[in-house]
Structure formats: structure tokens, C-alpha cells
Amino acid sequence: MTADGKAYLGTILISVLLILVGIGFISEGPKHIPAFAAYAAGAILILLPILSIIWLVRNR
């Protein structure tokens, strides 16, 4: 596998992990933190990996 392929694979794997954590934040709801903070953190954890994949593909 080339260095670019490893970079793409690593970015995609980290992105999937962050998206799953973000979905967990949103689905579990607020337990120990305010509701807005939980939903905002979940949304950021979902949007950030999507934007990083878009950035990676555009700067190829």
C-alpha cells in the first residue's frame, strides 16, 4: 500500500470512529452535562470528520 493509501485509510478509520462517538453523544442524550453541550459535541464530532474527508479528497 502506498503512503497516500495509508493516509486515506487512516483518515477514514479515524473519521468513522469520531462519527460513531458523535452519534453516541446524541443518542445517549445528556446525562452529566447540559443537553445543548451534549448535542453540540455530537454534531461537531459528526461534522468534523466529514469535512476532513472532503478536504483530503479535494487536496489530492
N, C-alpha and C. Protein backbone atom coordinates (compact mmCIF):
# COMPACT_ATOMS: atom_id res chain seq x y z
N MET A 1 0.85 -1.18 0.00
CA MET A 1 0.00 0.00 0.00
C MET A 1 0.90 1.24 0.00
N THR A 2 0.52 2.19 -0.80
CA THR A 2 1.32 3.42 -0.89
C THR A 2 1.10 4.30 0.33
N ALA A 3 1.94 5.31 0.45
CA ALA A 3 1.81 6.24 1.58
C ALA A 3 0.49 7.00 1.52
N ASP A 4 0.08 7.36 0.29
CA ASP A 4 -1.21 8.05 0.15
C ASP A 4 -2.37 7.15 0.56
N GLY A 5 -2.27 5.88 0.18
CA GLY A 5 -3.32 4.94 0.55
C GLY A 5 -3.42 4.77 2.06
N LYS A 6 -2.28 4.73 2.73
CA LYS A 6 -2.29 4.63 4.19
C LYS A 6 -2.89 5.87 4.83
N ALA A 7 -2.60 7.03 4.25
CA ALA A 7 -3.15 8.28 4.78
C ALA A 7 -4.67 8.31 4.61
N TYR A 8 -5.14 7.89 3.43
CA TYR A 8 -6.59 7.86 3.20
C TYR A 8 -7.27 6.88 4.15
N LEU A 9 -6.69 5.69 4.28
CA LEU A 9 -7.28 4.67 5.14
C LEU A 9 -7.30 5.13 6.60
N GLY A 10 -6.21 5.72 7.05
CA GLY A 10 -6.16 6.22 8.42
C GLY A 10 -7.18 7.31 8.68
N THR A 11 -7.31 8.22 7.72
CA THR A 11 -8.28 9.30 7.87
C THR A 11 -9.70 8.75 7.90
N ILE A 12 -9.99 7.79 7.05
CA ILE A 12 -11.34 7.22 7.02
C ILE A 12 -11.63 6.46 8.30
N LEU A 13 -10.67 5.71 8.81
CA LEU A 13 -10.90 4.96 10.05
C LEU A 13 -11.12 5.88 11.24
N ILE A 14 -10.31 6.92 11.35
CA ILE A 14 -10.48 7.88 12.44
C ILE A 14 -11.82 8.60 12.29
N SER A 15 -12.20 8.91 11.05
CA SER A 15 -13.47 9.59 10.81
C SER A 15 -14.65 8.72 11.23
N VAL A 16 -14.59 7.45 10.89
CA VAL A 16 -15.68 6.54 11.29
C VAL A 16 -15.77 6.46 12.81
N LEU A 17 -14.64 6.38 13.47
CA LEU A 17 -14.64 6.33 14.93
C LEU A 17 -15.25 7.60 15.53
N LEU A 18 -14.85 8.77 15.02
CA LEU A 18 -15.40 10.02 15.54
C LEU A 18 -16.89 10.15 15.26
N ILE A 19 -17.33 9.69 14.09
CA ILE A 19 -18.76 9.74 13.78
C ILE A 19 -19.54 8.85 14.74
N LEU A 20 -19.02 7.66 15.04
CA LEU A 20 -19.71 6.77 15.98
C LEU A 20 -19.77 7.38 17.38
N VAL A 21 -18.70 8.02 17.81
CA VAL A 21 -18.71 8.68 19.11
C VAL A 21 -19.71 9.83 19.12
N GLY A 22 -19.77 10.59 18.02
CA GLY A 22 -20.74 11.68 17.91
C GLY A 22 -22.17 11.19 17.96
N ILE A 23 -22.44 10.08 17.28
CA ILE A 23 -23.78 9.50 17.33
C ILE A 23 -24.10 9.04 18.74
N GLY A 24 -23.10 8.51 19.43
CA GLY A 24 -23.30 8.11 20.82
C GLY A 24 -23.64 9.28 21.72
N PHE A 25 -22.96 10.39 21.52
CA PHE A 25 -23.27 11.60 22.30
C PHE A 25 -24.72 12.02 22.09
N ILE A 26 -25.16 12.00 20.84
CA ILE A 26 -26.51 12.47 20.54
C ILE A 26 -27.56 11.46 21.00
N SER A 27 -27.32 10.17 20.79
CA SER A 27 -28.34 9.17 21.13
C SER A 27 -28.47 8.95 22.63
N GLU A 28 -27.37 9.02 23.35
CA GLU A 28 -27.45 8.84 24.80
C GLU A 28 -28.10 10.02 25.49
N GLY A 29 -27.97 11.17 24.86
CA GLY A 29 -28.57 12.36 25.47
C GLY A 29 -27.75 12.85 26.65
N PRO A 30 -28.20 13.91 27.22
CA PRO A 30 -27.44 14.50 28.33
C PRO A 30 -27.62 13.71 29.63
N LYS A 31 -26.53 13.23 30.17
CA LYS A 31 -26.58 12.55 31.46
C LYS A 31 -25.90 13.41 32.53
N HIS A 32 -24.67 13.80 32.26
CA HIS A 32 -23.90 14.55 33.26
C HIS A 32 -23.56 15.96 32.81
N ILE A 33 -23.93 16.30 31.58
CA ILE A 33 -23.66 17.64 31.06
C ILE A 33 -24.96 18.22 30.51
N PRO A 34 -25.03 19.51 30.33
CA PRO A 34 -26.26 20.11 29.79
C PRO A 34 -26.60 19.57 28.40
N ALA A 35 -27.88 19.56 28.08
CA ALA A 35 -28.35 18.99 26.82
C ALA A 35 -27.71 19.67 25.62
N PHE A 36 -27.65 20.99 25.63
CA PHE A 36 -27.08 21.70 24.48
C PHE A 36 -25.63 21.30 24.26
N ALA A 37 -24.88 21.14 25.33
CA ALA A 37 -23.47 20.77 25.20
C ALA A 37 -23.32 19.37 24.61
N ALA A 38 -24.16 18.44 25.03
CA ALA A 38 -24.08 17.07 24.51
C ALA A 38 -24.41 17.03 23.03
N TYR A 39 -25.47 17.72 22.64
CA TYR A 39 -25.87 17.70 21.23
C TYR A 39 -24.87 18.46 20.37
N ALA A 40 -24.32 19.56 20.88
CA ALA A 40 -23.33 20.32 20.13
C ALA A 40 -22.05 19.49 19.94
N ALA A 41 -21.62 18.81 20.99
CA ALA A 41 -20.43 17.97 20.88
C ALA A 41 -20.66 16.84 19.88
N GLY A 42 -21.83 16.25 19.93
CA GLY A 42 -22.16 15.19 18.97
C GLY A 42 -22.15 15.70 17.54
N ALA A 43 -22.73 16.86 17.33
CA ALA A 43 -22.77 17.42 15.97
C ALA A 43 -21.37 17.76 15.47
N ILE A 44 -20.54 18.30 16.33
CA ILE A 44 -19.16 18.62 15.93
C ILE A 44 -18.38 17.35 15.62
N LEU A 45 -18.58 16.31 16.44
CA LEU A 45 -17.87 15.06 16.20
C LEU A 45 -18.34 14.36 14.93
N ILE A 46 -19.52 14.68 14.46
CA ILE A 46 -20.00 14.11 13.20
C ILE A 46 -19.54 14.96 12.02
N LEU A 47 -19.62 16.28 12.14
CA LEU A 47 -19.29 17.15 11.01
C LEU A 47 -17.79 17.26 10.74
N LEU A 48 -16.98 17.26 11.79
CA LEU A 48 -15.54 17.43 11.61
C LEU A 48 -14.91 16.33 10.74
N PRO A 49 -15.21 15.05 10.97
CA PRO A 49 -14.62 14.03 10.10
C PRO A 49 -15.11 14.12 8.66
N ILE A 50 -16.37 14.49 8.47
CA ILE A 50 -16.89 14.63 7.10
C ILE A 50 -16.12 15.73 6.38
N LEU A 51 -15.90 16.84 7.06
CA LEU A 51 -15.15 17.94 6.45
C LEU A 51 -13.69 17.55 6.19
N SER A 52 -13.10 16.75 7.07
CA SER A 52 -11.71 16.34 6.86
C SER A 52 -11.58 15.41 5.66
N ILE A 53 -12.56 14.54 5.44
CA ILE A 53 -12.53 13.67 4.26
C ILE A 53 -12.69 14.50 2.99
N ILE A 54 -13.60 15.46 3.02
CA ILE A 54 -13.78 16.34 1.85
C ILE A 54 -12.49 17.10 1.57
N TRP A 55 -11.85 17.63 2.61
CA TRP A 55 -10.60 18.36 2.44
C TRP A 55 -9.51 17.46 1.87
N LEU A 56 -9.43 16.22 2.37
CA LEU A 56 -8.41 15.29 1.91
C LEU A 56 -8.60 14.95 0.43
N VAL A 57 -9.83 14.74 0.02
CA VAL A 57 -10.10 14.38 -1.37
C VAL A 57 -9.84 15.57 -2.30
N ARG A 58 -10.20 16.76 -1.87
CA ARG A 58 -10.02 17.95 -2.73
C ARG A 58 -8.55 18.32 -2.89
N ASN A 59 -7.72 18.02 -1.90
CA ASN A 59 -6.30 18.38 -1.95
C ASN A 59 -5.41 17.23 -2.42
N ARG A 60 -5.97 16.31 -3.14
CA ARG A 60 -5.21 15.19 -3.67
C ARG A 60 -4.25 15.61 -4.72
